[in-house]
Structures are given as structure tokens and as C-alpha cells.
Amino acid sequence: MRTLDLLHSAVPGMPVFAYVSDGVMSRRLYRKNSAGFSLIELTVVMVIMALVTGVALPNLVNLYDSVERRTALDTAIQEFNELGRIAARRGQGFILNSEDGVLTSTSPELKPPFPENWRIELDEPITFQGNGVCSGGWFRILDDNDPVLARYLEPPYCQLSFDEQD
């Protein structure tokens, strides 16, 4: 005759039951309240995590690229806006020109502040005089032929700005 006896579990409060027949304990031990997850539950969670990762990861890459591009543009605009002050400090003018999308300067020690992969287009050369005044003109920045910024530089200060609408 088989009887169900309560054995003491190694985990407090977790009873273990065993069938005992004729004083011999059978091999079938089981817990009344099983702790843990089934294989199906774990698989469902893994599938959901894979789907969320598949949707979110491309957006994170795009976000990183957009932040990197915006940071480079902010830095370039800040450095470009210093060119008039540099000319006034040195008391010597220079001319910015765009040849094949590369911004060049008549002053060899003056490095144009834009990343190498950006193309810069000017309708006409921009002259910075020794007193910091500039001649003005249209200024366009392209990244892989996508417009990043297009502004008319107003003389005498020729300050670039970046609006949130761009």
C-alpha cells in the first residue's frame, strides 16, 4: 500500500512529498509548488527580447549618427564664427574659397573647421579683412550630397547659425 508522506525540504517552507510503500521510498520526488520557469516560458521571453532588440537597435544607430553629425556641425559653426575675430586679432585678412567642395584659405596656418567628408560650396570667395569684417555670400554644407546647412552670410560679421528647423 502506498502512502503519501511529507518530508522536510532543504528549502524552508517548501514541502517535498514522496510515495512510501512498505517502508521503501519511491524515486518519484516532487515539489508541490515548483519554483522556476518552464522551457516554454523562457523561450517566449527570449523571443520577445529578440524582437524588441531587432526593432530598437537600428533606431539607436540612427540616433548615434544624428547626434555625431549635429555635434560636428555645432563645433564647425562655432569655429567658423571665430574666423572674423582671428583676422582682427592678427590684423591680417584672408580669403576662403571652395575648390571641388574643399574649403581652402589664403592663410596657410588657418585650417578650415569642417570635417573632411563634408563638401563646402560658396557662390563666391568670402573675404575676411584685417579688421574682422567679411564680404558675405552664400555658404552651403553637404554631407554625401545631402544638404546639412545653407545660409547667406550677412556682412559685416558673417555669422553662421543652426536653427532647429534645419
C-alpha atoms as a PDB file:
ATOM      1  CA  MET A   1       0.000   0.000   0.000  1.00  0.00           C
ATOM      2  CA  ARG A   2       1.298   3.400  -0.963  1.00  0.00           C
ATOM      3  CA  THR A   3       1.038   6.319   1.381  1.00  0.00           C
ATOM      4  CA  LEU A   4       1.970   9.919   0.801  1.00  0.00           C
ATOM      5  CA  ASP A   5       4.391  11.146   3.422  1.00  0.00           C
ATOM      6  CA  LEU A   6       5.594  14.707   3.913  1.00  0.00           C
ATOM      7  CA  LEU A   7       9.373  15.009   4.009  1.00  0.00           C
ATOM      8  CA  HIS A   8      11.343  18.016   5.117  1.00  0.00           C
ATOM      9  CA  SER A   9      12.757  20.106   2.307  1.00  0.00           C
ATOM     10  CA  ALA A  10      16.178  21.750   2.230  1.00  0.00           C
ATOM     11  CA  VAL A  11      14.327  24.990   1.445  1.00  0.00           C
ATOM     12  CA  PRO A  12      12.305  26.209   4.443  1.00  0.00           C
ATOM     13  CA  GLY A  13       8.602  26.376   3.770  1.00  0.00           C
ATOM     14  CA  MET A  14       8.847  24.222   0.615  1.00  0.00           C
ATOM     15  CA  PRO A  15       7.363  20.784   1.345  1.00  0.00           C
ATOM     16  CA  VAL A  16       8.511  17.730  -0.591  1.00  0.00           C
ATOM     17  CA  PHE A  17       6.203  14.757  -0.976  1.00  0.00           C
ATOM     18  CA  ALA A  18       7.256  11.176  -1.577  1.00  0.00           C
ATOM     19  CA  TYR A  19       5.360   7.958  -2.020  1.00  0.00           C
ATOM     20  CA  VAL A  20       6.307   5.381   0.577  1.00  0.00           C
ATOM     21  CA  SER A  21       5.205   1.791   0.174  1.00  0.00           C
ATOM     22  CA  ASP A  22       6.135  -0.900   2.601  1.00  0.00           C
ATOM     23  CA  GLY A  23       8.742   1.349   4.204  1.00  0.00           C
ATOM     24  CA  VAL A  24      10.653   1.898   0.924  1.00  0.00           C
ATOM     25  CA  MET A  25      10.647   5.399  -0.547  1.00  0.00           C
ATOM     26  CA  SER A  26       9.946   5.536  -4.242  1.00  0.00           C
ATOM     27  CA  ARG A  27      12.173   7.544  -6.572  1.00  0.00           C
ATOM     28  CA  ARG A  28       9.449   9.996  -7.550  1.00  0.00           C
ATOM     29  CA  LEU A  29      10.062  13.111  -5.509  1.00  0.00           C
ATOM     30  CA  TYR A  30       8.307  16.278  -6.484  1.00  0.00           C
ATOM     31  CA  ARG A  31       7.589  19.639  -5.011  1.00  0.00           C
ATOM     32  CA  LYS A  32       4.088  20.833  -4.525  1.00  0.00           C
ATOM     33  CA  ASN A  33       4.899  24.448  -5.540  1.00  0.00           C
ATOM     34  CA  SER A  34       7.583  24.249  -8.182  1.00  0.00           C
ATOM     35  CA  ALA A  35       9.973  27.226  -8.199  1.00  0.00           C
ATOM     36  CA  GLY A  36      11.450  28.257 -11.578  1.00  0.00           C
ATOM     37  CA  PHE A  37      10.296  28.665 -15.140  1.00  0.00           C
ATOM     38  CA  SER A  38       9.396  26.142 -17.773  1.00  0.00           C
ATOM     39  CA  LEU A  39      11.305  25.901 -21.026  1.00  0.00           C
ATOM     40  CA  ILE A  40       8.346  27.357 -22.930  1.00  0.00           C
ATOM     41  CA  GLU A  41       8.189  30.408 -20.655  1.00  0.00           C
ATOM     42  CA  LEU A  42      11.907  31.028 -21.080  1.00  0.00           C
ATOM     43  CA  THR A  43      11.634  30.643 -24.870  1.00  0.00           C
ATOM     44  CA  VAL A  44       8.756  33.130 -25.075  1.00  0.00           C
ATOM     45  CA  VAL A  45      10.734  35.695 -23.071  1.00  0.00           C
ATOM     46  CA  MET A  46      13.792  35.212 -25.303  1.00  0.00           C
ATOM     47  CA  VAL A  47      11.689  35.673 -28.462  1.00  0.00           C
ATOM     48  CA  ILE A  48      10.157  38.872 -27.094  1.00  0.00           C
ATOM     49  CA  MET A  49      13.608  40.196 -26.181  1.00  0.00           C
ATOM     50  CA  ALA A  50      14.913  39.394 -29.668  1.00  0.00           C
ATOM     51  CA  LEU A  51      12.002  41.241 -31.286  1.00  0.00           C
ATOM     52  CA  VAL A  52      12.471  44.326 -29.116  1.00  0.00           C
ATOM     53  CA  THR A  53      16.207  44.330 -29.826  1.00  0.00           C
ATOM     54  CA  GLY A  54      15.584  43.963 -33.560  1.00  0.00           C
ATOM     55  CA  VAL A  55      13.302  46.987 -33.558  1.00  0.00           C
ATOM     56  CA  ALA A  56      15.345  49.197 -31.211  1.00  0.00           C
ATOM     57  CA  LEU A  57      18.901  48.592 -32.442  1.00  0.00           C
ATOM     58  CA  PRO A  58      18.586  50.283 -35.881  1.00  0.00           C
ATOM     59  CA  ASN A  59      16.999  53.310 -34.216  1.00  0.00           C
ATOM     60  CA  LEU A  60      19.894  53.547 -31.749  1.00  0.00           C
ATOM     61  CA  VAL A  61      22.399  53.512 -34.618  1.00  0.00           C
ATOM     62  CA  ASN A  62      20.477  56.298 -36.396  1.00  0.00           C
ATOM     63  CA  LEU A  63      20.299  58.290 -33.159  1.00  0.00           C
ATOM     64  CA  TYR A  64      24.056  57.944 -32.630  1.00  0.00           C
ATOM     65  CA  ASP A  65      24.778  59.064 -36.227  1.00  0.00           C
ATOM     66  CA  SER A  66      22.457  62.051 -35.921  1.00  0.00           C
ATOM     67  CA  VAL A  67      24.000  63.167 -32.601  1.00  0.00           C
ATOM     68  CA  GLU A  68      27.500  62.748 -34.020  1.00  0.00           C
ATOM     69  CA  ARG A  69      26.596  64.804 -37.123  1.00  0.00           C
ATOM     70  CA  ARG A  70      24.947  67.550 -35.045  1.00  0.00           C
ATOM     71  CA  THR A  71      27.947  67.765 -32.698  1.00  0.00           C
ATOM     72  CA  ALA A  72      30.334  68.085 -35.643  1.00  0.00           C
ATOM     73  CA  LEU A  73      28.135  70.801 -37.158  1.00  0.00           C
ATOM     74  CA  ASP A  74      27.911  72.758 -33.882  1.00  0.00           C
ATOM     75  CA  THR A  75      31.689  72.618 -33.483  1.00  0.00           C
ATOM     76  CA  ALA A  76      32.285  73.678 -37.104  1.00  0.00           C
ATOM     77  CA  ILE A  77      29.830  76.601 -36.824  1.00  0.00           C
ATOM     78  CA  GLN A  78      31.472  77.787 -33.606  1.00  0.00           C
ATOM     79  CA  GLU A  79      34.940  77.646 -35.186  1.00  0.00           C
ATOM     80  CA  PHE A  80      33.725  79.338 -38.402  1.00  0.00           C
ATOM     81  CA  ASN A  81      32.190  82.181 -36.393  1.00  0.00           C
ATOM     82  CA  GLU A  82      35.629  82.812 -34.829  1.00  0.00           C
ATOM     83  CA  LEU A  83      37.276  83.486 -38.222  1.00  0.00           C
ATOM     84  CA  GLY A  84      36.450  87.228 -38.200  1.00  0.00           C
ATOM     85  CA  ARG A  85      37.871  87.588 -34.685  1.00  0.00           C
ATOM     86  CA  ILE A  86      41.027  85.710 -35.731  1.00  0.00           C
ATOM     87  CA  ALA A  87      41.526  88.071 -38.674  1.00  0.00           C
ATOM     88  CA  ALA A  88      41.034  91.111 -36.398  1.00  0.00           C
ATOM     89  CA  ARG A  89      43.394  89.731 -33.726  1.00  0.00           C
ATOM     90  CA  ARG A  90      46.108  89.072 -36.286  1.00  0.00           C
ATOM     91  CA  GLY A  91      45.417  92.311 -38.156  1.00  0.00           C
ATOM     92  CA  GLN A  92      45.677  90.366 -41.395  1.00  0.00           C
ATOM     93  CA  GLY A  93      42.881  89.343 -43.745  1.00  0.00           C
ATOM     94  CA  PHE A  94      42.401  86.155 -45.717  1.00  0.00           C
ATOM     95  CA  ILE A  95      40.090  84.692 -48.336  1.00  0.00           C
ATOM     96  CA  LEU A  96      38.066  81.492 -48.070  1.00  0.00           C
ATOM     97  CA  ASN A  97      37.437  79.677 -51.322  1.00  0.00           C
ATOM     98  CA  SER A  98      35.756  76.418 -52.237  1.00  0.00           C
ATOM     99  CA  GLU A  99      37.514  74.253 -54.801  1.00  0.00           C
ATOM    100  CA  ASP A 100      35.867  70.916 -55.625  1.00  0.00           C
ATOM    101  CA  GLY A 101      33.911  71.044 -52.355  1.00  0.00           C
ATOM    102  CA  VAL A 102      37.019  71.623 -50.212  1.00  0.00           C
ATOM    103  CA  LEU A 103      37.230  74.855 -48.252  1.00  0.00           C
ATOM    104  CA  THR A 104      40.650  76.484 -48.595  1.00  0.00           C
ATOM    105  CA  SER A 105      42.195  79.621 -47.151  1.00  0.00           C
ATOM    106  CA  THR A 106      44.823  82.036 -48.439  1.00  0.00           C
ATOM    107  CA  SER A 107      46.331  81.953 -44.942  1.00  0.00           C
ATOM    108  CA  PRO A 108      48.274  78.659 -44.688  1.00  0.00           C
ATOM    109  CA  GLU A 109      48.148  78.447 -40.872  1.00  0.00           C
ATOM    110  CA  LEU A 110      44.367  78.801 -40.855  1.00  0.00           C
ATOM    111  CA  LYS A 111      42.758  75.375 -41.030  1.00  0.00           C
ATOM    112  CA  PRO A 112      39.122  75.364 -42.191  1.00  0.00           C
ATOM    113  CA  PRO A 113      36.988  73.896 -39.373  1.00  0.00           C
ATOM    114  CA  PHE A 114      34.877  71.372 -41.299  1.00  0.00           C
ATOM    115  CA  PRO A 115      35.174  67.567 -41.403  1.00  0.00           C
ATOM    116  CA  GLU A 116      36.928  66.172 -44.461  1.00  0.00           C
ATOM    117  CA  ASN A 117      33.906  64.211 -45.705  1.00  0.00           C
ATOM    118  CA  TRP A 118      31.772  67.383 -45.925  1.00  0.00           C
ATOM    119  CA  ARG A 119      31.641  69.377 -49.137  1.00  0.00           C
ATOM    120  CA  ILE A 120      31.541  73.151 -48.832  1.00  0.00           C
ATOM    121  CA  GLU A 121      30.051  75.239 -51.633  1.00  0.00           C
ATOM    122  CA  LEU A 122      30.464  79.003 -51.934  1.00  0.00           C
ATOM    123  CA  ASP A 123      28.893  81.113 -54.680  1.00  0.00           C
ATOM    124  CA  GLU A 124      31.906  83.405 -54.493  1.00  0.00           C
ATOM    125  CA  PRO A 125      35.033  83.582 -52.312  1.00  0.00           C
ATOM    126  CA  ILE A 126      34.495  85.067 -48.849  1.00  0.00           C
ATOM    127  CA  THR A 127      36.979  87.738 -47.856  1.00  0.00           C
ATOM    128  CA  PHE A 128      37.804  88.410 -44.200  1.00  0.00           C
ATOM    129  CA  GLN A 129      39.565  91.756 -43.820  1.00  0.00           C
ATOM    130  CA  GLY A 130      42.180  92.588 -41.217  1.00  0.00           C
ATOM    131  CA  ASN A 131      39.567  94.351 -39.078  1.00  0.00           C
ATOM    132  CA  GLY A 132      37.342  91.195 -38.950  1.00  0.00           C
ATOM    133  CA  VAL A 133      34.770  92.380 -41.486  1.00  0.00           C
ATOM    134  CA  CYS A 134      33.718  89.822 -44.087  1.00  0.00           C
ATOM    135  CA  SER A 135      32.313  90.218 -47.600  1.00  0.00           C
ATOM    136  CA  GLY A 136      29.365  87.828 -47.170  1.00  0.00           C
ATOM    137  CA  GLY A 137      27.830  85.391 -49.640  1.00  0.00           C
ATOM    138  CA  TRP A 138      26.037  82.040 -49.856  1.00  0.00           C
ATOM    139  CA  PHE A 139      27.526  79.195 -47.850  1.00  0.00           C
ATOM    140  CA  ARG A 140      26.375  75.557 -48.181  1.00  0.00           C
ATOM    141  CA  ILE A 141      27.494  72.400 -46.391  1.00  0.00           C
ATOM    142  CA  LEU A 142      26.793  69.000 -47.968  1.00  0.00           C
ATOM    143  CA  ASP A 143      27.352  65.567 -46.437  1.00  0.00           C
ATOM    144  CA  ASP A 144      27.254  62.826 -49.099  1.00  0.00           C
ATOM    145  CA  ASN A 145      25.384  65.336 -51.300  1.00  0.00           C
ATOM    146  CA  ASP A 146      22.691  65.749 -48.622  1.00  0.00           C
ATOM    147  CA  PRO A 147      22.321  69.390 -47.594  1.00  0.00           C
ATOM    148  CA  VAL A 148      23.331  69.921 -43.981  1.00  0.00           C
ATOM    149  CA  LEU A 149      23.209  73.705 -43.879  1.00  0.00           C
ATOM    150  CA  ALA A 150      22.654  76.520 -46.385  1.00  0.00           C
ATOM    151  CA  ARG A 151      22.934  80.128 -45.213  1.00  0.00           C
ATOM    152  CA  TYR A 152      23.545  83.559 -46.596  1.00  0.00           C
ATOM    153  CA  LEU A 153      26.396  85.111 -44.623  1.00  0.00           C
ATOM    154  CA  GLU A 154      25.391  88.691 -43.836  1.00  0.00           C
ATOM    155  CA  PRO A 155      28.224  91.196 -43.967  1.00  0.00           C
ATOM    156  CA  PRO A 156      29.939  92.601 -41.965  1.00  0.00           C
ATOM    157  CA  TYR A 157      30.118  89.770 -39.377  1.00  0.00           C
ATOM    158  CA  CYS A 158      29.195  86.640 -41.405  1.00  0.00           C
ATOM    159  CA  GLN A 159      27.911  84.559 -38.507  1.00  0.00           C
ATOM    160  CA  LEU A 160      26.588  81.052 -39.208  1.00  0.00           C
ATOM    161  CA  SER A 161      23.703  79.714 -37.142  1.00  0.00           C
ATOM    162  CA  PHE A 162      21.854  76.444 -36.936  1.00  0.00           C
ATOM    163  CA  ASP A 163      18.100  76.513 -36.365  1.00  0.00           C
ATOM    164  CA  GLU A 164      16.131  73.516 -35.127  1.00  0.00           C
ATOM    165  CA  GLN A 165      14.104  73.520 -38.384  1.00  0.00           C
ATOM    166  CA  ASP A 166      17.201  72.512 -40.415  1.00  0.00           C
END
